[in-house]
Amino acid sequence: MKKQLLSFLLVSIFARSIAQVYSVEQSKSDLNFLRHILEEAHPGLYWYTPKDSMDSAFEKAFNQLDRPMSEKELFFKWAPLITNIHCGHTYLMNSEAFDAQKDDNSWFPFHCQVINNQLFVRLLGKNCSDTTLVRGTEILRINDRPVSEFIQTARNYCQADGYNQTFKDYFLSLYRLEETINDLYNIKAPYRMLVKSPRGEVRESIVFTKTRTVVSNTSSKPSKAEKKQQAKAALEKLRNFKVLSEAPHTLLMTCNGFGYEDHKKFHKSVFRVLEQQKIKNLIIDLRNNPGGDTGSSDDILRYVLTQAIPNFRTCDAPVNQLSFTAHIAPAPKDHLFNPKELKQLPNGQYRRIADGIEIVKPYKKGHFNGQIYVLTSGFTFSAGAILASLLKAHTNAILIGQETGGGEAGCSGGLTSKVILPQTKMIVNFPHFRLETNTSAPNVGRGVQPHYPVVYTAKDIASGRDVEMEKAIKLILNRKETF
């Protein structure tokens, strides 16, 4: 009975929070707070957008607060304001209460892929109402509106480093497109879709997630051995390597994020195999690498660099104290903005002396002298993009794929916080340091450009092709060297 009462109270609290309309005074208070923290401590507020343009954007947003509004309304007014900073690490999120009441059945029952202004089915979910939506099916219209309209609108609410679009397309594919359709256009499942098969057949489809039968799980909790095996499988999925049979003397190392604590041990085992088997070609797959610890990416560099280099030119913050610390969500003790880890520079900025600029020295043992190929995508972000940038600038690496989602010249990041707006409780992801990558490439507000760009077609998606890998293998097979 107590559990039922508690559940009822929580639901009631969330319901009241979602239904709440914020007064003009409350909304203006939060917007003023948002402007204050950005102007005080954001390391790249005017990196891509001049101050007068940001000031005008703030004033425009402020003038729109002419009546009481819900969180949903405020989100779609303020998200473009933050997107205007052109920082992939700076974005607005709904409050926890708002997200708690989301209807999971409103999400598409398939994984989708945005290519330019087109939307394709990449993988069908098990509970999709229309099981004929094969891979490569294009979604043309939803509820009589062209999909291109949804995509173009959703891009206004999606962050990216500089003027990059590939990162936006990945986030649209993951969730931002569906959020825009659900919350801005107020279109919910079931969706009436006009679709085109990979063969070119156009038809209408009613799409929703079928209700699943919940089977009661009476089995005991996983044993220690089972938990250990699950953790091992998760780690293997995050990073792995294998010698390829499709190409001679070639090893593929996949890094789906730099969050594996055993990076030194793992990298050592990879480069030991390269050395022992006299492998000449190394493919580094960073396509699903959204970043993480630059210590991991730096360790890879130590095996392939021919001379010591700094990884960054700057790792600087505009302040050494934050006036809004009380509004930051709890963070691990080793992940805090710590004044003791900063030193003031002559220009008034504060440089991070812990986990900041690092001189990356090549290892004396296990050095790889062969040809490097790097696979990239729009999801190659933060530390993943930084590694791609440094490999392109300081090694013989050949890049294949899409422009990286992270900026080639650097990003605002290094350390981020979740700042909670006092009135609405919406959350701002807030970076603290401006990281300028050690590359001679001019900063044009774009990601790392591949030497061999790859653009997928509907037929590629339908057939499940790995076009980047195919290109890498083709380049290896066409090399003049004989082994």
Protein backbone atom coordinates (compact mmCIF):
# COMPACT_ATOMS: atom_id res chain seq x y z
CA MET A 1 0.00 0.00 0.00
CA LYS A 2 2.87 2.39 0.87
CA LYS A 3 4.57 1.66 -2.46
CA GLN A 4 1.32 2.36 -4.33
CA LEU A 5 0.87 5.65 -2.46
CA LEU A 6 4.46 6.68 -3.18
CA SER A 7 4.03 5.83 -6.85
CA PHE A 8 0.80 7.85 -6.98
CA LEU A 9 2.50 10.85 -5.34
CA LEU A 10 5.44 10.75 -7.78
CA VAL A 11 3.12 10.56 -10.77
CA SER A 12 1.10 13.47 -9.37
CA ILE A 13 4.23 15.56 -8.82
CA PHE A 14 5.47 14.90 -12.37
CA ALA A 15 2.03 15.60 -13.82
CA ARG A 16 1.83 18.94 -12.04
CA SER A 17 5.36 19.80 -13.19
CA ILE A 18 4.59 19.06 -16.84
CA ALA A 19 1.29 20.92 -16.74
CA GLN A 20 2.86 23.91 -15.02
CA VAL A 21 2.93 27.17 -16.91
CA TYR A 22 5.73 29.53 -15.97
CA SER A 23 5.00 33.20 -15.46
CA VAL A 24 6.73 35.88 -17.51
CA GLU A 25 8.78 36.78 -14.44
CA GLN A 26 9.91 33.16 -13.92
CA SER A 27 10.85 32.73 -17.58
CA LYS A 28 12.75 36.01 -17.69
CA SER A 29 14.55 35.04 -14.48
CA ASP A 30 15.78 31.79 -16.03
CA LEU A 31 16.80 33.47 -19.28
CA ASN A 32 18.73 36.13 -17.38
CA PHE A 33 20.42 33.37 -15.38
CA LEU A 34 21.29 31.51 -18.58
CA ARG A 35 22.78 34.62 -20.15
CA HIS A 36 24.74 35.39 -16.98
CA ILE A 37 26.43 31.98 -16.73
CA LEU A 38 27.28 31.89 -20.44
CA GLU A 39 28.79 35.37 -20.41
CA GLU A 40 30.64 34.67 -17.19
CA ALA A 41 32.23 31.32 -17.86
CA HIS A 42 31.64 29.85 -21.33
CA PRO A 43 35.09 29.45 -22.96
CA GLY A 44 33.89 29.81 -26.56
CA LEU A 45 30.78 31.95 -26.44
CA TYR A 46 32.07 34.25 -29.19
CA TRP A 47 34.31 31.74 -31.00
CA TYR A 48 31.97 31.51 -34.01
CA THR A 49 29.30 34.10 -33.22
CA PRO A 50 30.31 37.76 -32.62
CA LYS A 51 29.25 39.35 -29.34
CA ASP A 52 26.82 41.78 -30.98
CA SER A 53 25.07 38.87 -32.71
CA MET A 54 24.77 36.92 -29.45
CA ASP A 55 23.50 40.05 -27.69
CA SER A 56 20.82 40.46 -30.37
CA ALA A 57 19.84 36.79 -30.05
CA PHE A 58 19.44 37.16 -26.28
CA GLU A 59 17.35 40.30 -26.68
CA LYS A 60 15.13 38.62 -29.26
CA ALA A 61 14.59 35.62 -26.96
CA PHE A 62 13.87 37.96 -24.04
CA ASN A 63 11.27 39.93 -26.01
CA GLN A 64 9.44 36.70 -26.90
CA LEU A 65 8.60 36.15 -23.23
CA ASP A 66 5.39 38.17 -23.41
CA ARG A 67 3.04 35.64 -21.81
CA PRO A 68 3.09 32.63 -19.45
CA MET A 69 4.58 29.56 -21.18
CA SER A 70 5.09 25.85 -20.56
CA GLU A 71 8.49 24.16 -20.47
CA LYS A 72 7.86 22.73 -23.92
CA GLU A 73 7.32 26.22 -25.36
CA LEU A 74 10.34 27.65 -23.59
CA PHE A 75 12.57 24.79 -24.75
CA PHE A 76 11.85 25.46 -28.42
CA LYS A 77 12.50 29.17 -27.93
CA TRP A 78 15.79 28.78 -26.06
CA ALA A 79 17.36 25.76 -27.77
CA PRO A 80 18.07 27.74 -31.00
CA LEU A 81 19.62 30.50 -28.88
CA ILE A 82 22.12 28.02 -27.44
CA THR A 83 22.62 26.34 -30.81
CA ASN A 84 23.70 29.77 -32.09
CA ILE A 85 26.90 29.41 -30.01
CA HIS A 86 28.01 26.65 -32.44
CA CYS A 87 29.40 24.43 -29.69
CA GLY A 88 28.73 20.70 -29.73
CA HIS A 89 29.21 20.44 -25.97
CA THR A 90 26.70 23.21 -25.16
CA TYR A 91 23.04 22.25 -25.35
CA LEU A 92 19.71 22.51 -23.58
CA MET A 93 17.86 19.52 -22.13
CA ASN A 94 14.40 19.18 -20.68
CA SER A 95 13.96 18.87 -16.94
CA GLU A 96 13.99 15.42 -15.35
CA ALA A 97 10.29 15.80 -14.60
CA PHE A 98 9.51 16.50 -18.26
CA ASP A 99 11.51 13.51 -19.49
CA ALA A 100 9.91 11.22 -16.89
CA GLN A 101 6.48 11.64 -18.47
CA LYS A 102 7.65 10.90 -22.03
CA ASP A 103 5.65 8.22 -23.81
CA ASP A 104 8.17 5.67 -25.06
CA ASN A 105 5.66 4.50 -27.66
CA SER A 106 6.00 7.84 -29.46
CA TRP A 107 9.54 6.98 -30.59
CA PHE A 108 9.89 5.48 -34.05
CA PRO A 109 9.89 1.66 -33.82
CA PHE A 110 13.00 1.57 -36.03
CA HIS A 111 16.48 3.02 -36.16
CA CYS A 112 16.69 5.72 -38.79
CA GLN A 113 19.43 7.46 -40.72
CA VAL A 114 19.36 11.05 -41.96
CA ILE A 115 21.24 11.75 -45.17
CA ASN A 116 21.03 15.41 -46.18
CA ASN A 117 17.26 16.05 -46.09
CA GLN A 118 16.20 12.42 -46.49
CA LEU A 119 15.24 9.87 -43.83
CA PHE A 120 15.86 6.13 -44.20
CA VAL A 121 15.08 3.02 -42.15
CA ARG A 122 18.38 1.53 -41.02
CA LEU A 123 17.16 -1.24 -38.71
CA LEU A 124 13.61 -2.33 -37.93
CA GLY A 125 12.57 -2.78 -34.30
CA LYS A 126 11.07 -6.07 -33.12
CA ASN A 127 7.73 -4.45 -32.27
CA CYS A 128 7.16 -2.30 -35.35
CA SER A 129 3.57 -2.48 -36.61
CA ASP A 130 4.76 -2.61 -40.24
CA THR A 131 7.25 -5.43 -40.61
CA THR A 132 7.69 -4.73 -44.32
CA LEU A 133 9.77 -1.61 -43.66
CA VAL A 134 13.06 -3.12 -44.80
CA ARG A 135 16.44 -1.44 -44.50
CA GLY A 136 16.83 1.35 -47.02
CA THR A 137 13.13 2.27 -47.03
CA GLU A 138 12.81 6.05 -47.36
CA ILE A 139 10.25 7.93 -45.27
CA LEU A 140 8.85 10.61 -47.59
CA ARG A 141 6.02 12.13 -45.53
CA ILE A 142 4.65 11.87 -41.99
CA ASN A 143 1.01 12.86 -41.42
CA ASP A 144 0.94 14.67 -44.79
CA ARG A 145 4.04 16.77 -44.07
CA PRO A 146 7.29 16.25 -46.03
CA VAL A 147 10.06 14.74 -43.93
CA SER A 148 12.48 17.37 -45.28
CA GLU A 149 10.46 20.00 -43.37
CA PHE A 150 10.91 18.14 -40.07
CA ILE A 151 14.64 17.67 -40.70
CA GLN A 152 15.28 21.31 -41.59
CA THR A 153 13.32 22.47 -38.54
CA ALA A 154 15.00 20.03 -36.15
CA ARG A 155 18.47 21.20 -37.20
CA ASN A 156 17.70 24.54 -35.50
CA TYR A 157 17.53 22.72 -32.16
CA CYS A 158 20.63 20.58 -32.61
CA GLN A 159 24.11 21.69 -31.54
CA ALA A 160 27.40 21.23 -33.42
CA ASP A 161 30.97 22.48 -33.41
CA GLY A 162 31.18 25.44 -35.79
CA TYR A 163 29.13 25.04 -38.93
CA ASN A 164 29.26 21.24 -39.03
CA GLN A 165 26.19 19.35 -40.29
CA THR A 166 27.24 15.68 -40.06
CA PHE A 167 27.08 15.76 -36.25
CA LYS A 168 23.61 17.27 -36.44
CA ASP A 169 22.44 14.54 -38.81
CA TYR A 170 23.60 11.86 -36.36
CA PHE A 171 21.74 13.46 -33.46
CA LEU A 172 18.66 13.91 -35.61
CA SER A 173 18.83 10.19 -36.36
CA LEU A 174 19.25 9.29 -32.69
CA TYR A 175 16.44 11.32 -31.12
CA ARG A 176 16.25 15.02 -31.96
CA LEU A 177 14.09 14.53 -35.06
CA GLU A 178 11.53 12.52 -33.13
CA GLU A 179 11.53 15.06 -30.29
CA THR A 180 10.79 17.82 -32.79
CA ILE A 181 7.96 15.85 -34.40
CA ASN A 182 6.45 14.90 -31.02
CA ASP A 183 6.92 18.10 -29.03
CA LEU A 184 7.02 20.92 -31.56
CA TYR A 185 4.60 19.62 -34.20
CA ASN A 186 2.60 17.65 -31.59
CA ILE A 187 2.46 14.60 -33.87
CA LYS A 188 2.34 11.31 -32.00
CA ALA A 189 2.14 7.63 -32.89
CA PRO A 190 0.50 6.03 -34.75
CA TYR A 191 2.26 7.77 -37.63
CA ARG A 192 0.76 7.85 -41.10
CA MET A 193 3.79 7.60 -43.34
CA LEU A 194 4.35 7.72 -47.07
CA VAL A 195 7.29 5.43 -47.75
CA LYS A 196 9.39 4.38 -50.73
CA SER A 197 11.00 0.95 -50.85
CA PRO A 198 14.58 0.48 -52.11
CA ARG A 199 12.97 -0.73 -55.37
CA GLY A 200 11.16 2.59 -55.77
CA GLU A 201 7.65 1.44 -54.79
CA VAL A 202 5.68 4.19 -53.00
CA ARG A 203 2.88 3.36 -50.54
CA GLU A 204 1.30 4.45 -47.27
CA SER A 205 2.19 2.80 -43.96
CA ILE A 206 0.71 3.12 -40.47
CA VAL A 207 3.60 2.90 -38.03
CA PHE A 208 3.56 2.46 -34.25
CA THR A 209 5.13 0.30 -31.57
CA LYS A 210 3.06 -2.78 -30.85
CA THR A 211 2.33 -3.42 -27.19
CA ARG A 212 4.64 -6.04 -25.79
CA THR A 213 3.57 -8.79 -23.44
CA VAL A 214 5.56 -8.34 -20.25
CA VAL A 215 6.85 -11.66 -19.00
CA SER A 216 7.46 -11.82 -15.28
CA ASN A 217 11.07 -12.64 -14.57
CA THR A 218 11.25 -14.82 -11.50
CA SER A 219 14.82 -15.90 -12.05
CA SER A 220 17.46 -14.99 -9.53
CA LYS A 221 19.84 -12.06 -9.93
CA PRO A 222 22.91 -12.59 -12.14
CA SER A 223 25.74 -14.34 -10.37
CA LYS A 224 29.15 -12.70 -9.95
CA ALA A 225 30.45 -14.81 -12.81
CA GLU A 226 27.58 -13.69 -15.05
CA LYS A 227 28.11 -10.04 -14.13
CA LYS A 228 31.81 -10.41 -14.89
CA GLN A 229 31.02 -11.94 -18.27
CA GLN A 230 28.55 -9.13 -19.07
CA ALA A 231 31.13 -6.50 -18.15
CA LYS A 232 33.71 -8.25 -20.32
CA ALA A 233 31.30 -8.30 -23.28
CA ALA A 234 30.51 -4.60 -22.83
CA LEU A 235 34.21 -3.75 -22.72
CA GLU A 236 34.86 -5.84 -25.83
CA LYS A 237 32.10 -3.97 -27.63
CA LEU A 238 33.66 -0.67 -26.63
CA ARG A 239 37.13 -1.55 -27.90
CA ASN A 240 38.42 -4.54 -29.85
CA PHE A 241 40.81 -5.56 -32.59
CA LYS A 242 41.28 -8.31 -35.14
CA VAL A 243 43.60 -9.24 -37.98
CA LEU A 244 41.62 -9.10 -41.22
CA SER A 245 41.48 -11.90 -43.75
CA GLU A 246 40.09 -9.61 -46.47
CA ALA A 247 43.37 -7.71 -46.88
CA PRO A 248 47.00 -8.79 -46.43
CA HIS A 249 48.93 -7.69 -43.36
CA THR A 250 46.03 -5.60 -42.02
CA LEU A 251 44.70 -5.13 -38.49
CA LEU A 252 41.45 -3.40 -37.55
CA MET A 253 41.28 -1.60 -34.19
CA THR A 254 37.82 -0.36 -33.22
CA CYS A 255 37.43 2.34 -30.56
CA ASN A 256 33.76 3.13 -29.89
CA GLY A 257 34.56 5.78 -27.30
CA PHE A 258 37.52 6.55 -25.06
CA GLY A 259 36.08 5.41 -21.78
CA TYR A 260 37.91 2.14 -21.25
CA GLU A 261 40.12 2.22 -18.17
CA ASP A 262 42.45 -0.49 -19.45
CA HIS A 263 43.52 1.60 -22.45
CA LYS A 264 47.25 1.16 -21.87
CA LYS A 265 46.95 -2.60 -21.57
CA PHE A 266 44.63 -2.83 -24.57
CA HIS A 267 46.76 -0.61 -26.82
CA LYS A 268 49.90 -2.49 -25.81
CA SER A 269 48.32 -5.78 -26.87
CA VAL A 270 47.23 -4.28 -30.21
CA PHE A 271 50.64 -2.90 -31.12
CA ARG A 272 52.40 -6.05 -29.89
CA VAL A 273 50.40 -8.04 -32.45
CA LEU A 274 51.23 -5.47 -35.13
CA GLU A 275 54.93 -5.85 -34.35
CA GLN A 276 55.05 -9.62 -33.88
CA GLN A 277 53.08 -10.39 -37.05
CA LYS A 278 54.87 -7.69 -39.07
CA ILE A 279 51.55 -6.11 -40.01
CA LYS A 280 51.91 -3.14 -42.39
CA ASN A 281 48.39 -1.66 -42.37
CA LEU A 282 46.45 -0.39 -39.35
CA ILE A 283 42.79 0.60 -39.69
CA ILE A 284 41.49 2.65 -36.74
CA ASP A 285 37.68 2.75 -36.68
CA LEU A 286 36.45 5.92 -34.95
CA ARG A 287 33.01 6.06 -36.61
CA ASN A 288 31.11 5.38 -33.38
CA ASN A 289 33.47 7.29 -31.11
CA PRO A 290 31.76 10.27 -29.41
CA GLY A 291 34.85 11.01 -27.30
CA GLY A 292 35.85 10.56 -23.69
CA ASP A 293 39.25 10.65 -22.02
CA THR A 294 41.99 12.24 -24.15
CA GLY A 295 44.47 10.21 -22.11
CA SER A 296 43.25 7.16 -24.04
CA SER A 297 43.55 8.83 -27.44
CA ASP A 298 46.97 10.28 -26.56
CA ASP A 299 48.18 6.77 -25.74
CA ILE A 300 47.39 5.64 -29.30
CA LEU A 301 49.40 8.59 -30.63
CA ARG A 302 52.44 7.47 -28.64
CA TYR A 303 52.68 4.35 -30.82
CA VAL A 304 52.53 6.16 -34.17
CA LEU A 305 54.17 9.57 -33.73
CA THR A 306 57.76 10.07 -34.89
CA GLN A 307 58.39 13.02 -32.57
CA ALA A 308 56.93 14.52 -29.41
CA ILE A 309 54.07 17.00 -29.86
CA PRO A 310 51.65 18.86 -27.59
CA ASN A 311 48.10 17.62 -28.05
CA PHE A 312 46.59 21.10 -27.57
CA ARG A 313 47.64 24.70 -28.03
CA THR A 314 45.22 25.89 -25.35
CA CYS A 315 43.16 24.40 -22.55
CA ASP A 316 41.88 27.64 -21.10
CA ALA A 317 38.91 28.97 -19.13
CA PRO A 318 37.84 32.61 -18.77
CA VAL A 319 37.42 32.34 -14.96
CA ASN A 320 38.86 30.39 -12.04
CA GLN A 321 35.72 30.59 -9.90
CA LEU A 322 32.09 29.86 -10.84
CA SER A 323 29.33 31.97 -9.34
CA PHE A 324 26.74 29.27 -10.14
CA THR A 325 28.31 26.22 -8.49
CA ALA A 326 25.19 25.73 -6.34
CA HIS A 327 23.16 25.12 -9.49
CA ILE A 328 25.42 22.39 -10.90
CA ALA A 329 24.12 18.85 -10.63
CA PRO A 330 26.20 16.59 -8.36
CA ALA A 331 29.33 15.35 -10.09
CA PRO A 332 32.03 12.82 -9.17
CA LYS A 333 34.75 14.29 -6.97
CA ASP A 334 37.30 13.84 -9.77
CA HIS A 335 35.09 15.68 -12.26
CA LEU A 336 34.72 19.17 -10.80
CA PHE A 337 35.82 22.64 -11.84
CA ASN A 338 38.70 22.95 -9.38
CA PRO A 339 40.47 26.34 -9.00
CA LYS A 340 43.52 24.54 -7.59
CA GLU A 341 44.07 22.94 -11.01
CA LEU A 342 44.29 26.30 -12.80
CA LYS A 343 47.01 28.88 -13.30
CA GLN A 344 46.47 32.41 -14.59
CA LEU A 345 48.00 33.41 -17.91
CA PRO A 346 49.22 36.91 -18.87
CA ASN A 347 46.11 37.36 -21.05
CA GLY A 348 43.85 36.87 -18.01
CA GLN A 349 42.70 33.36 -18.99
CA TYR A 350 43.14 30.36 -16.69
CA ARG A 351 44.95 27.29 -17.99
CA ARG A 352 44.19 23.83 -16.72
CA ILE A 353 47.37 22.22 -15.41
CA ALA A 354 45.79 18.85 -14.61
CA ASP A 355 44.55 16.77 -17.56
CA GLY A 356 45.13 19.74 -19.86
CA ILE A 357 47.89 20.28 -22.41
CA GLU A 358 50.04 17.18 -22.63
CA ILE A 359 53.35 16.65 -24.43
CA VAL A 360 52.74 13.34 -26.21
CA LYS A 361 56.06 11.51 -26.50
CA PRO A 362 56.44 8.45 -28.76
CA TYR A 363 56.99 5.12 -27.05
CA LYS A 364 60.44 3.64 -27.58
CA LYS A 365 59.01 0.13 -27.88
CA GLY A 366 56.16 -1.11 -30.06
CA HIS A 367 56.28 1.80 -32.50
CA PHE A 368 54.19 1.29 -35.65
CA ASN A 369 55.81 2.46 -38.90
CA GLY A 370 53.23 1.18 -41.38
CA GLN A 371 50.30 2.84 -43.12
CA ILE A 372 47.40 4.13 -41.03
CA TYR A 373 43.80 4.34 -42.22
CA VAL A 374 41.17 6.12 -40.10
CA LEU A 375 37.43 5.60 -40.51
CA THR A 376 35.34 8.61 -39.45
CA SER A 377 31.71 9.70 -39.34
CA GLY A 378 29.59 12.58 -38.12
CA PHE A 379 29.48 10.81 -34.74
CA THR A 380 33.28 11.04 -34.38
CA PHE A 381 33.24 13.76 -31.77
CA SER A 382 35.24 15.40 -28.96
CA ALA A 383 38.29 13.22 -28.13
CA GLY A 384 37.47 11.01 -31.14
CA ALA A 385 37.66 13.99 -33.50
CA ILE A 386 40.73 15.36 -31.71
CA LEU A 387 42.54 12.07 -32.36
CA ALA A 388 41.47 12.12 -36.03
CA SER A 389 42.74 15.71 -36.31
CA LEU A 390 46.11 14.91 -34.73
CA LEU A 391 46.56 11.75 -36.81
CA LYS A 392 45.86 13.72 -39.99
CA ALA A 393 48.24 16.51 -38.98
CA HIS A 394 51.17 14.48 -37.62
CA THR A 395 51.15 11.02 -39.22
CA ASN A 396 50.64 9.40 -42.62
CA ALA A 397 46.99 8.62 -41.78
CA ILE A 398 44.51 8.37 -44.65
CA LEU A 399 40.99 9.34 -43.54
CA ILE A 400 37.94 7.65 -45.03
CA GLY A 401 34.27 8.39 -44.33
CA GLN A 402 32.42 11.53 -43.32
CA GLU A 403 33.56 14.86 -41.96
CA THR A 404 33.96 14.36 -38.21
CA GLY A 405 31.31 15.79 -35.93
CA GLY A 406 33.97 17.37 -33.71
CA GLY A 407 35.87 20.42 -34.91
CA GLU A 408 39.25 19.92 -36.55
CA ALA A 409 40.68 23.03 -34.86
CA GLY A 410 39.29 22.12 -31.45
CA CYS A 411 36.24 22.54 -29.27
CA SER A 412 34.92 23.86 -25.99
CA GLY A 413 35.02 20.93 -23.59
CA GLY A 414 37.68 19.25 -21.49
CA LEU A 415 35.31 19.26 -18.54
CA THR A 416 31.53 19.74 -18.63
CA SER A 417 28.85 20.35 -16.02
CA LYS A 418 25.06 19.97 -15.90
CA VAL A 419 23.69 23.37 -14.85
CA ILE A 420 20.06 23.39 -13.66
CA LEU A 421 18.03 26.52 -14.40
CA PRO A 422 16.47 27.65 -11.09
CA GLN A 423 12.84 28.11 -12.18
CA THR A 424 12.09 25.59 -14.94
CA LYS A 425 14.75 23.03 -13.88
CA MET A 426 15.77 22.62 -17.51
CA ILE A 427 19.39 21.52 -17.83
CA VAL A 428 22.26 23.12 -19.73
CA ASN A 429 25.29 21.03 -20.65
CA PHE A 430 28.12 23.47 -19.99
CA PRO A 431 31.78 23.11 -21.11
CA HIS A 432 34.53 24.88 -19.16
CA PHE A 433 37.67 24.92 -21.33
CA ARG A 434 38.57 26.03 -24.82
CA LEU A 435 40.69 23.31 -26.40
CA GLU A 436 42.58 24.25 -29.55
CA THR A 437 44.01 21.18 -31.24
CA ASN A 438 47.65 21.16 -32.31
CA THR A 439 47.06 21.35 -36.05
CA SER A 440 48.12 23.81 -38.70
CA ALA A 441 44.74 23.51 -40.42
CA PRO A 442 42.91 26.86 -40.42
CA ASN A 443 39.80 27.08 -38.27
CA VAL A 444 36.94 27.32 -40.75
CA GLY A 445 34.37 25.94 -38.33
CA ARG A 446 34.33 22.44 -39.77
CA GLY A 447 35.24 18.93 -38.72
CA VAL A 448 38.18 16.88 -39.95
CA GLN A 449 37.70 16.37 -43.68
CA PRO A 450 38.38 12.84 -44.97
CA HIS A 451 40.74 12.22 -47.87
CA TYR A 452 38.09 9.87 -49.28
CA PRO A 453 34.55 11.11 -48.52
CA VAL A 454 31.79 8.50 -48.30
CA VAL A 455 28.08 9.17 -48.89
CA TYR A 456 25.64 6.32 -48.36
CA THR A 457 22.75 5.64 -50.73
CA ALA A 458 19.45 3.87 -50.08
CA LYS A 459 20.87 0.80 -51.85
CA ASP A 460 23.93 0.83 -49.60
CA ILE A 461 21.73 0.89 -46.50
CA ALA A 462 19.41 -1.80 -47.88
CA SER A 463 22.28 -4.15 -48.63
CA GLY A 464 24.02 -3.49 -45.32
CA ARG A 465 27.24 -2.37 -47.00
CA ASP A 466 30.17 -1.05 -44.99
CA VAL A 467 31.35 1.42 -47.61
CA GLU A 468 34.16 2.94 -45.52
CA MET A 469 35.68 -0.46 -44.78
CA GLU A 470 35.33 -1.49 -48.41
CA LYS A 471 37.22 1.64 -49.46
CA ALA A 472 40.00 1.04 -46.94
CA ILE A 473 40.48 -2.54 -48.11
CA LYS A 474 40.44 -1.44 -51.75
CA LEU A 475 43.17 1.13 -51.06
CA ILE A 476 45.26 -1.50 -49.27
CA LEU A 477 44.88 -4.01 -52.08
CA ASN A 478 45.83 -1.40 -54.67
CA ARG A 479 49.03 -0.35 -52.91
CA LYS A 480 52.14 -0.94 -54.97
CA GLU A 481 54.16 -2.44 -52.16
CA THR A 482 54.48 -6.20 -52.18
CA PHE A 483 54.61 -8.07 -48.92
